[in-house]
Amino acid sequence: MQKQIVHIFGDSYAEAKENRRHHLFEYCWPRKLEKVFDVKNHAVGGSGPQDVCTDLYKLTHFADRDELKQSVAIIVFPDISRYNFAFYQKRNHSVFGQLNHYHTQDHFFSKEFLNDYDQEQMKFVLDFKRYYLEHADNWAIEEAKYFSYFDNLAALFKQVLVLPVNARLTHYQYYHIDIAPVDLETVATHEQRGNIDFGTDSRLNHISIANHNIMSEQLYHWIINKKTIEDKFLKN
């Protein structure tokens, strides 16, 4: 019997690529799903919403439509402020990745980032960040646009689930996608009672193995029985 195809999109919360820092990826929820389903993981650490949409676009435009209609999609929706511009060469060079917590200062770009881009591009990024800091409501508009895009694409799949990384900024009703009621950053911070330093976080995908087990079990039942995701995650 052919296994159910499961497409996964997102950032480091969904990535399942082994590296030197994380040698236990067999325990992460995408790998656990691989034991039961035919998982095709498109997630890449450092991705922003635009990257996820690009990956979705490539899949939906080039994959076999009949096969796609029988597959499910799990979209780990990254931080809305991870905004990438056309001149960015790497996913983790998003505005959020370089400017978060620094507001309008201009001396905090990494050497790697400064070597890749010129001063005019740096000014463009800073001006953009200042604008969004002063007009925070724009993030809610951006979120609604992305979720509407997912809702429209859902017709191409058997079913679609969105797992937000951050707390939702809007609560509009969507008709073709399921949205988890808990965001992954809340799960991650509740585990350690504090904010996450993504550069030093030693946990798999920023959550504990115990919560990977809970996540994989809930996703299994969502895929098989369309059972709603619940906030059953362990807290410290």
C-alpha atoms as a PDB file:
ATOM      1  CA  MET A   1       0.000   0.000   0.000  1.00  0.00           C
ATOM      2  CA  GLN A   2       1.339   3.410  -0.965  1.00  0.00           C
ATOM      3  CA  LYS A   3       2.240   5.650   1.939  1.00  0.00           C
ATOM      4  CA  GLN A   4       0.504   8.972   2.480  1.00  0.00           C
ATOM      5  CA  ILE A   5       2.625  11.801   1.053  1.00  0.00           C
ATOM      6  CA  VAL A   6       3.298  14.619   3.536  1.00  0.00           C
ATOM      7  CA  HIS A   7       4.942  17.871   2.433  1.00  0.00           C
ATOM      8  CA  ILE A   8       6.560  19.968   5.181  1.00  0.00           C
ATOM      9  CA  PHE A   9       7.483  23.632   4.740  1.00  0.00           C
ATOM     10  CA  GLY A  10       9.047  26.075   7.190  1.00  0.00           C
ATOM     11  CA  ASP A  11      12.152  27.143   9.065  1.00  0.00           C
ATOM     12  CA  SER A  12      14.318  25.604  11.789  1.00  0.00           C
ATOM     13  CA  TYR A  13      11.260  24.436  13.729  1.00  0.00           C
ATOM     14  CA  ALA A  14      10.638  21.926  10.932  1.00  0.00           C
ATOM     15  CA  GLU A  15      14.069  21.321   9.424  1.00  0.00           C
ATOM     16  CA  ALA A  16      15.372  17.779   9.808  1.00  0.00           C
ATOM     17  CA  LYS A  17      18.866  18.003   8.396  1.00  0.00           C
ATOM     18  CA  GLU A  18      21.645  16.497  10.469  1.00  0.00           C
ATOM     19  CA  ASN A  19      24.581  18.699  11.400  1.00  0.00           C
ATOM     20  CA  ARG A  20      27.323  18.885  13.992  1.00  0.00           C
ATOM     21  CA  ARG A  21      25.224  20.726  16.577  1.00  0.00           C
ATOM     22  CA  HIS A  22      22.218  18.428  16.320  1.00  0.00           C
ATOM     23  CA  HIS A  23      23.169  14.779  16.056  1.00  0.00           C
ATOM     24  CA  LEU A  24      19.824  13.440  17.348  1.00  0.00           C
ATOM     25  CA  PHE A  25      17.575  14.441  14.463  1.00  0.00           C
ATOM     26  CA  GLU A  26      16.084  10.960  14.369  1.00  0.00           C
ATOM     27  CA  TYR A  27      14.037  12.086  17.386  1.00  0.00           C
ATOM     28  CA  CYS A  28      12.543  15.227  15.806  1.00  0.00           C
ATOM     29  CA  TRP A  29       8.895  15.235  14.725  1.00  0.00           C
ATOM     30  CA  PRO A  30       9.544  15.332  10.932  1.00  0.00           C
ATOM     31  CA  ARG A  31      11.768  12.238  11.228  1.00  0.00           C
ATOM     32  CA  LYS A  32       9.158  10.474  13.354  1.00  0.00           C
ATOM     33  CA  LEU A  33       6.561  11.111  10.665  1.00  0.00           C
ATOM     34  CA  GLU A  34       8.960   9.628   8.108  1.00  0.00           C
ATOM     35  CA  LYS A  35       8.578   6.252   9.813  1.00  0.00           C
ATOM     36  CA  VAL A  36       4.903   6.182   8.884  1.00  0.00           C
ATOM     37  CA  PHE A  37       4.460   8.502   5.895  1.00  0.00           C
ATOM     38  CA  ASP A  38       6.266   9.439   2.692  1.00  0.00           C
ATOM     39  CA  VAL A  39       7.616  12.756   3.991  1.00  0.00           C
ATOM     40  CA  LYS A  40       9.056  15.367   1.656  1.00  0.00           C
ATOM     41  CA  ASN A  41      10.613  18.016   3.873  1.00  0.00           C
ATOM     42  CA  HIS A  42      11.217  21.393   2.202  1.00  0.00           C
ATOM     43  CA  ALA A  43      11.984  23.252   5.459  1.00  0.00           C
ATOM     44  CA  VAL A  44      15.240  25.203   5.772  1.00  0.00           C
ATOM     45  CA  GLY A  45      16.480  26.930   8.916  1.00  0.00           C
ATOM     46  CA  GLY A  46      16.370  30.723   8.712  1.00  0.00           C
ATOM     47  CA  SER A  47      13.511  30.773   6.199  1.00  0.00           C
ATOM     48  CA  GLY A  48      10.950  33.557   6.222  1.00  0.00           C
ATOM     49  CA  PRO A  49       7.350  33.568   4.962  1.00  0.00           C
ATOM     50  CA  GLN A  50       8.462  34.571   1.472  1.00  0.00           C
ATOM     51  CA  ASP A  51      10.790  31.562   1.295  1.00  0.00           C
ATOM     52  CA  VAL A  52       7.964  29.252   2.341  1.00  0.00           C
ATOM     53  CA  CYS A  53       5.693  30.723  -0.333  1.00  0.00           C
ATOM     54  CA  THR A  54       8.426  30.272  -2.948  1.00  0.00           C
ATOM     55  CA  ASP A  55       8.813  26.614  -1.967  1.00  0.00           C
ATOM     56  CA  LEU A  56       5.042  26.145  -2.126  1.00  0.00           C
ATOM     57  CA  TYR A  57       4.896  27.856  -5.511  1.00  0.00           C
ATOM     58  CA  LYS A  58       7.568  25.558  -6.940  1.00  0.00           C
ATOM     59  CA  LEU A  59       5.800  22.470  -5.656  1.00  0.00           C
ATOM     60  CA  THR A  60       2.289  23.410  -6.758  1.00  0.00           C
ATOM     61  CA  HIS A  61       3.396  24.506 -10.224  1.00  0.00           C
ATOM     62  CA  PHE A  62       5.714  21.642 -11.101  1.00  0.00           C
ATOM     63  CA  ALA A  63       4.363  18.618  -9.206  1.00  0.00           C
ATOM     64  CA  ASP A  64       1.865  16.174 -10.622  1.00  0.00           C
ATOM     65  CA  ARG A  65      -1.543  17.646  -9.786  1.00  0.00           C
ATOM     66  CA  ASP A  66      -3.260  14.296  -9.229  1.00  0.00           C
ATOM     67  CA  GLU A  67      -0.535  13.208  -6.816  1.00  0.00           C
ATOM     68  CA  LEU A  68      -0.616  16.590  -5.102  1.00  0.00           C
ATOM     69  CA  LYS A  69      -4.357  16.294  -4.537  1.00  0.00           C
ATOM     70  CA  GLN A  70      -3.752  13.117  -2.549  1.00  0.00           C
ATOM     71  CA  SER A  71      -1.008  14.666  -0.404  1.00  0.00           C
ATOM     72  CA  VAL A  72      -1.158  16.768   2.748  1.00  0.00           C
ATOM     73  CA  ALA A  73       0.867  19.854   3.605  1.00  0.00           C
ATOM     74  CA  ILE A  74       2.164  21.032   6.968  1.00  0.00           C
ATOM     75  CA  ILE A  75       3.260  24.662   6.862  1.00  0.00           C
ATOM     76  CA  VAL A  76       5.379  25.898   9.764  1.00  0.00           C
ATOM     77  CA  PHE A  77       4.771  29.620   9.327  1.00  0.00           C
ATOM     78  CA  PRO A  78       7.936  31.586  10.251  1.00  0.00           C
ATOM     79  CA  ASP A  79       8.197  34.889  12.072  1.00  0.00           C
ATOM     80  CA  ILE A  80       6.286  37.429   9.981  1.00  0.00           C
ATOM     81  CA  SER A  81       9.115  39.973  10.277  1.00  0.00           C
ATOM     82  CA  ARG A  82      11.587  37.694   8.510  1.00  0.00           C
ATOM     83  CA  TYR A  83      11.347  39.776   5.385  1.00  0.00           C
ATOM     84  CA  ASN A  84      13.670  38.988   2.498  1.00  0.00           C
ATOM     85  CA  PHE A  85      14.603  41.281  -0.361  1.00  0.00           C
ATOM     86  CA  ALA A  86      15.583  40.324  -3.886  1.00  0.00           C
ATOM     87  CA  PHE A  87      19.264  41.072  -3.257  1.00  0.00           C
ATOM     88  CA  TYR A  88      19.494  38.674  -0.318  1.00  0.00           C
ATOM     89  CA  GLN A  89      21.661  35.686  -1.115  1.00  0.00           C
ATOM     90  CA  LYS A  90      20.877  33.519   1.907  1.00  0.00           C
ATOM     91  CA  ARG A  91      17.707  32.700   3.796  1.00  0.00           C
ATOM     92  CA  ASN A  92      19.096  33.615   7.192  1.00  0.00           C
ATOM     93  CA  HIS A  93      19.876  37.112   5.903  1.00  0.00           C
ATOM     94  CA  SER A  94      16.282  38.141   6.514  1.00  0.00           C
ATOM     95  CA  VAL A  95      15.537  41.539   8.051  1.00  0.00           C
ATOM     96  CA  PHE A  96      14.484  39.824  11.259  1.00  0.00           C
ATOM     97  CA  GLY A  97      17.627  37.750  11.465  1.00  0.00           C
ATOM     98  CA  GLN A  98      19.902  40.756  11.230  1.00  0.00           C
ATOM     99  CA  LEU A  99      17.866  43.512  12.883  1.00  0.00           C
ATOM    100  CA  ASN A 100      15.751  41.929  15.585  1.00  0.00           C
ATOM    101  CA  HIS A 101      16.155  43.601  19.005  1.00  0.00           C
ATOM    102  CA  TYR A 102      18.403  46.328  17.556  1.00  0.00           C
ATOM    103  CA  HIS A 103      15.690  48.716  16.318  1.00  0.00           C
ATOM    104  CA  THR A 104      17.205  51.656  14.427  1.00  0.00           C
ATOM    105  CA  GLN A 105      20.878  51.225  15.284  1.00  0.00           C
ATOM    106  CA  ASP A 106      23.150  50.774  12.288  1.00  0.00           C
ATOM    107  CA  HIS A 107      26.258  49.089  13.650  1.00  0.00           C
ATOM    108  CA  PHE A 108      25.098  45.542  14.246  1.00  0.00           C
ATOM    109  CA  PHE A 109      25.265  43.763  10.900  1.00  0.00           C
ATOM    110  CA  SER A 110      27.421  40.685  10.905  1.00  0.00           C
ATOM    111  CA  LYS A 111      30.726  40.832   9.016  1.00  0.00           C
ATOM    112  CA  GLU A 112      29.429  38.166   6.654  1.00  0.00           C
ATOM    113  CA  PHE A 113      26.349  40.247   5.918  1.00  0.00           C
ATOM    114  CA  LEU A 114      28.352  43.439   5.365  1.00  0.00           C
ATOM    115  CA  ASN A 115      30.732  41.642   3.009  1.00  0.00           C
ATOM    116  CA  ASP A 116      27.830  40.444   0.864  1.00  0.00           C
ATOM    117  CA  TYR A 117      25.962  43.730   0.429  1.00  0.00           C
ATOM    118  CA  ASP A 118      26.776  47.346  -0.284  1.00  0.00           C
ATOM    119  CA  GLN A 119      25.926  50.457   1.743  1.00  0.00           C
ATOM    120  CA  GLU A 120      22.955  51.387  -0.435  1.00  0.00           C
ATOM    121  CA  GLN A 121      21.383  47.997   0.215  1.00  0.00           C
ATOM    122  CA  MET A 122      22.088  48.333   3.943  1.00  0.00           C
ATOM    123  CA  LYS A 123      20.353  51.720   4.011  1.00  0.00           C
ATOM    124  CA  PHE A 124      17.358  50.221   2.225  1.00  0.00           C
ATOM    125  CA  VAL A 125      17.085  47.487   4.856  1.00  0.00           C
ATOM    126  CA  LEU A 126      17.383  49.960   7.740  1.00  0.00           C
ATOM    127  CA  ASP A 127      14.774  52.291   6.260  1.00  0.00           C
ATOM    128  CA  PHE A 128      12.425  49.354   5.814  1.00  0.00           C
ATOM    129  CA  LYS A 129      12.922  48.232   9.414  1.00  0.00           C
ATOM    130  CA  ARG A 130      12.337  51.745  10.759  1.00  0.00           C
ATOM    131  CA  TYR A 131       9.103  51.965   8.785  1.00  0.00           C
ATOM    132  CA  TYR A 132       7.778  48.707  10.154  1.00  0.00           C
ATOM    133  CA  LEU A 133       8.795  49.575  13.701  1.00  0.00           C
ATOM    134  CA  GLU A 134       6.705  52.735  13.399  1.00  0.00           C
ATOM    135  CA  HIS A 135       3.805  50.969  11.647  1.00  0.00           C
ATOM    136  CA  ALA A 136       3.539  47.645  13.460  1.00  0.00           C
ATOM    137  CA  ASP A 137       0.003  47.051  12.175  1.00  0.00           C
ATOM    138  CA  ASN A 138       1.552  46.246   8.809  1.00  0.00           C
ATOM    139  CA  TRP A 139       2.699  42.886  10.166  1.00  0.00           C
ATOM    140  CA  ALA A 140      -0.936  41.904  10.771  1.00  0.00           C
ATOM    141  CA  ILE A 141      -1.783  42.824   7.168  1.00  0.00           C
ATOM    142  CA  GLU A 142       1.165  40.774   5.927  1.00  0.00           C
ATOM    143  CA  GLU A 143       0.054  37.779   7.993  1.00  0.00           C
ATOM    144  CA  ALA A 144      -3.479  37.952   6.586  1.00  0.00           C
ATOM    145  CA  LYS A 145      -2.081  38.009   3.043  1.00  0.00           C
ATOM    146  CA  TYR A 146       0.046  34.916   3.626  1.00  0.00           C
ATOM    147  CA  PHE A 147      -2.751  32.975   5.310  1.00  0.00           C
ATOM    148  CA  SER A 148      -5.113  33.878   2.458  1.00  0.00           C
ATOM    149  CA  TYR A 149      -2.509  32.567   0.020  1.00  0.00           C
ATOM    150  CA  PHE A 150      -2.335  29.274   1.934  1.00  0.00           C
ATOM    151  CA  ASP A 151      -6.123  29.125   2.030  1.00  0.00           C
ATOM    152  CA  ASN A 152      -6.306  29.475  -1.753  1.00  0.00           C
ATOM    153  CA  LEU A 153      -3.604  26.867  -2.359  1.00  0.00           C
ATOM    154  CA  ALA A 154      -5.307  24.402  -0.043  1.00  0.00           C
ATOM    155  CA  ALA A 155      -7.636  23.351  -2.850  1.00  0.00           C
ATOM    156  CA  LEU A 156      -4.639  21.702  -4.520  1.00  0.00           C
ATOM    157  CA  PHE A 157      -3.996  19.423  -1.517  1.00  0.00           C
ATOM    158  CA  LYS A 158      -5.946  16.812   0.384  1.00  0.00           C
ATOM    159  CA  GLN A 159      -5.589  18.899   3.557  1.00  0.00           C
ATOM    160  CA  VAL A 160      -3.357  21.699   4.844  1.00  0.00           C
ATOM    161  CA  LEU A 161      -2.247  22.570   8.368  1.00  0.00           C
ATOM    162  CA  VAL A 162      -0.543  25.799   9.417  1.00  0.00           C
ATOM    163  CA  LEU A 163       1.660  25.703  12.530  1.00  0.00           C
ATOM    164  CA  PRO A 164       2.473  29.341  13.405  1.00  0.00           C
ATOM    165  CA  VAL A 165       5.904  29.986  14.885  1.00  0.00           C
ATOM    166  CA  ASN A 166       4.674  33.150  16.609  1.00  0.00           C
ATOM    167  CA  ALA A 167       1.355  34.113  18.174  1.00  0.00           C
ATOM    168  CA  ARG A 168      -1.127  35.082  15.464  1.00  0.00           C
ATOM    169  CA  LEU A 169      -1.687  38.786  14.894  1.00  0.00           C
ATOM    170  CA  THR A 170      -5.103  38.284  13.300  1.00  0.00           C
ATOM    171  CA  HIS A 171      -7.912  35.823  13.828  1.00  0.00           C
ATOM    172  CA  TYR A 172      -9.782  35.899  10.562  1.00  0.00           C
ATOM    173  CA  GLN A 173     -11.729  32.831   9.547  1.00  0.00           C
ATOM    174  CA  TYR A 174     -10.227  30.682   6.806  1.00  0.00           C
ATOM    175  CA  TYR A 175     -12.201  27.952   5.093  1.00  0.00           C
ATOM    176  CA  HIS A 176      -9.707  25.515   3.618  1.00  0.00           C
ATOM    177  CA  ILE A 177      -6.794  25.368   6.073  1.00  0.00           C
ATOM    178  CA  ASP A 178      -6.449  24.175   9.644  1.00  0.00           C
ATOM    179  CA  ILE A 179      -4.493  26.450  11.990  1.00  0.00           C
ATOM    180  CA  ALA A 180      -2.957  25.142  15.207  1.00  0.00           C
ATOM    181  CA  PRO A 181      -4.216  27.033  18.288  1.00  0.00           C
ATOM    182  CA  VAL A 182      -0.745  27.237  19.827  1.00  0.00           C
ATOM    183  CA  ASP A 183       2.392  28.804  18.383  1.00  0.00           C
ATOM    184  CA  LEU A 184       5.731  27.013  18.452  1.00  0.00           C
ATOM    185  CA  GLU A 185       7.650  29.857  20.057  1.00  0.00           C
ATOM    186  CA  THR A 186       5.300  29.745  23.040  1.00  0.00           C
ATOM    187  CA  VAL A 187       5.896  26.000  23.319  1.00  0.00           C
ATOM    188  CA  ALA A 188       9.653  26.598  23.139  1.00  0.00           C
ATOM    189  CA  THR A 189       9.766  29.447  25.669  1.00  0.00           C
ATOM    190  CA  HIS A 190       7.452  27.703  28.148  1.00  0.00           C
ATOM    191  CA  GLU A 191       9.892  24.813  28.225  1.00  0.00           C
ATOM    192  CA  GLN A 192      12.758  26.960  29.429  1.00  0.00           C
ATOM    193  CA  ARG A 193      10.858  29.863  31.008  1.00  0.00           C
ATOM    194  CA  GLY A 194      12.533  32.501  28.898  1.00  0.00           C
ATOM    195  CA  ASN A 195      13.294  33.832  25.437  1.00  0.00           C
ATOM    196  CA  ILE A 196      15.177  31.732  22.912  1.00  0.00           C
ATOM    197  CA  ASP A 197      18.705  32.456  21.749  1.00  0.00           C
ATOM    198  CA  PHE A 198      18.455  30.756  18.382  1.00  0.00           C
ATOM    199  CA  GLY A 199      22.231  30.802  17.953  1.00  0.00           C
ATOM    200  CA  THR A 200      22.895  28.718  21.068  1.00  0.00           C
ATOM    201  CA  ASP A 201      19.675  26.731  21.518  1.00  0.00           C
ATOM    202  CA  SER A 202      20.806  23.106  21.730  1.00  0.00           C
ATOM    203  CA  ARG A 203      17.315  21.600  21.509  1.00  0.00           C
ATOM    204  CA  LEU A 204      16.125  19.840  18.378  1.00  0.00           C
ATOM    205  CA  ASN A 205      14.081  22.394  16.426  1.00  0.00           C
ATOM    206  CA  HIS A 206      13.971  24.495  19.633  1.00  0.00           C
ATOM    207  CA  ILE A 207      11.726  22.076  21.542  1.00  0.00           C
ATOM    208  CA  SER A 208      12.398  19.100  23.811  1.00  0.00           C
ATOM    209  CA  ILE A 209      12.320  15.487  22.662  1.00  0.00           C
ATOM    210  CA  ALA A 210       9.245  14.965  24.858  1.00  0.00           C
ATOM    211  CA  ASN A 211       7.388  17.663  22.945  1.00  0.00           C
ATOM    212  CA  HIS A 212       8.634  16.255  19.643  1.00  0.00           C
ATOM    213  CA  ASN A 213       6.854  13.045  20.639  1.00  0.00           C
ATOM    214  CA  ILE A 214       3.670  14.949  21.440  1.00  0.00           C
ATOM    215  CA  MET A 215       3.895  16.919  18.200  1.00  0.00           C
ATOM    216  CA  SER A 216       4.436  13.856  16.011  1.00  0.00           C
ATOM    217  CA  GLU A 217       1.560  11.993  17.665  1.00  0.00           C
ATOM    218  CA  GLN A 218      -0.827  14.922  17.193  1.00  0.00           C
ATOM    219  CA  LEU A 219       0.243  15.400  13.578  1.00  0.00           C
ATOM    220  CA  TYR A 220      -0.243  11.688  12.949  1.00  0.00           C
ATOM    221  CA  HIS A 221      -3.853  11.902  14.123  1.00  0.00           C
ATOM    222  CA  TRP A 222      -4.420  15.110  12.147  1.00  0.00           C
ATOM    223  CA  ILE A 223      -3.200  13.392   8.979  1.00  0.00           C
ATOM    224  CA  ILE A 224      -5.095  10.132   9.532  1.00  0.00           C
ATOM    225  CA  ASN A 225      -8.244  11.324  11.323  1.00  0.00           C
ATOM    226  CA  LYS A 226      -8.222  15.103  10.728  1.00  0.00           C
ATOM    227  CA  LYS A 227      -8.135  15.494  14.499  1.00  0.00           C
ATOM    228  CA  THR A 228      -7.607  19.087  15.636  1.00  0.00           C
ATOM    229  CA  ILE A 229      -4.193  20.009  17.075  1.00  0.00           C
ATOM    230  CA  GLU A 230      -4.427  20.814  20.794  1.00  0.00           C
ATOM    231  CA  ASP A 231      -2.145  22.521  23.282  1.00  0.00           C
ATOM    232  CA  LYS A 232      -1.027  19.386  25.109  1.00  0.00           C
ATOM    233  CA  PHE A 233       2.659  20.316  25.130  1.00  0.00           C
ATOM    234  CA  LEU A 234       4.756  19.973  28.254  1.00  0.00           C
ATOM    235  CA  LYS A 235       5.806  23.088  30.138  1.00  0.00           C
ATOM    236  CA  ASN A 236       8.680  23.617  32.537  1.00  0.00           C
END
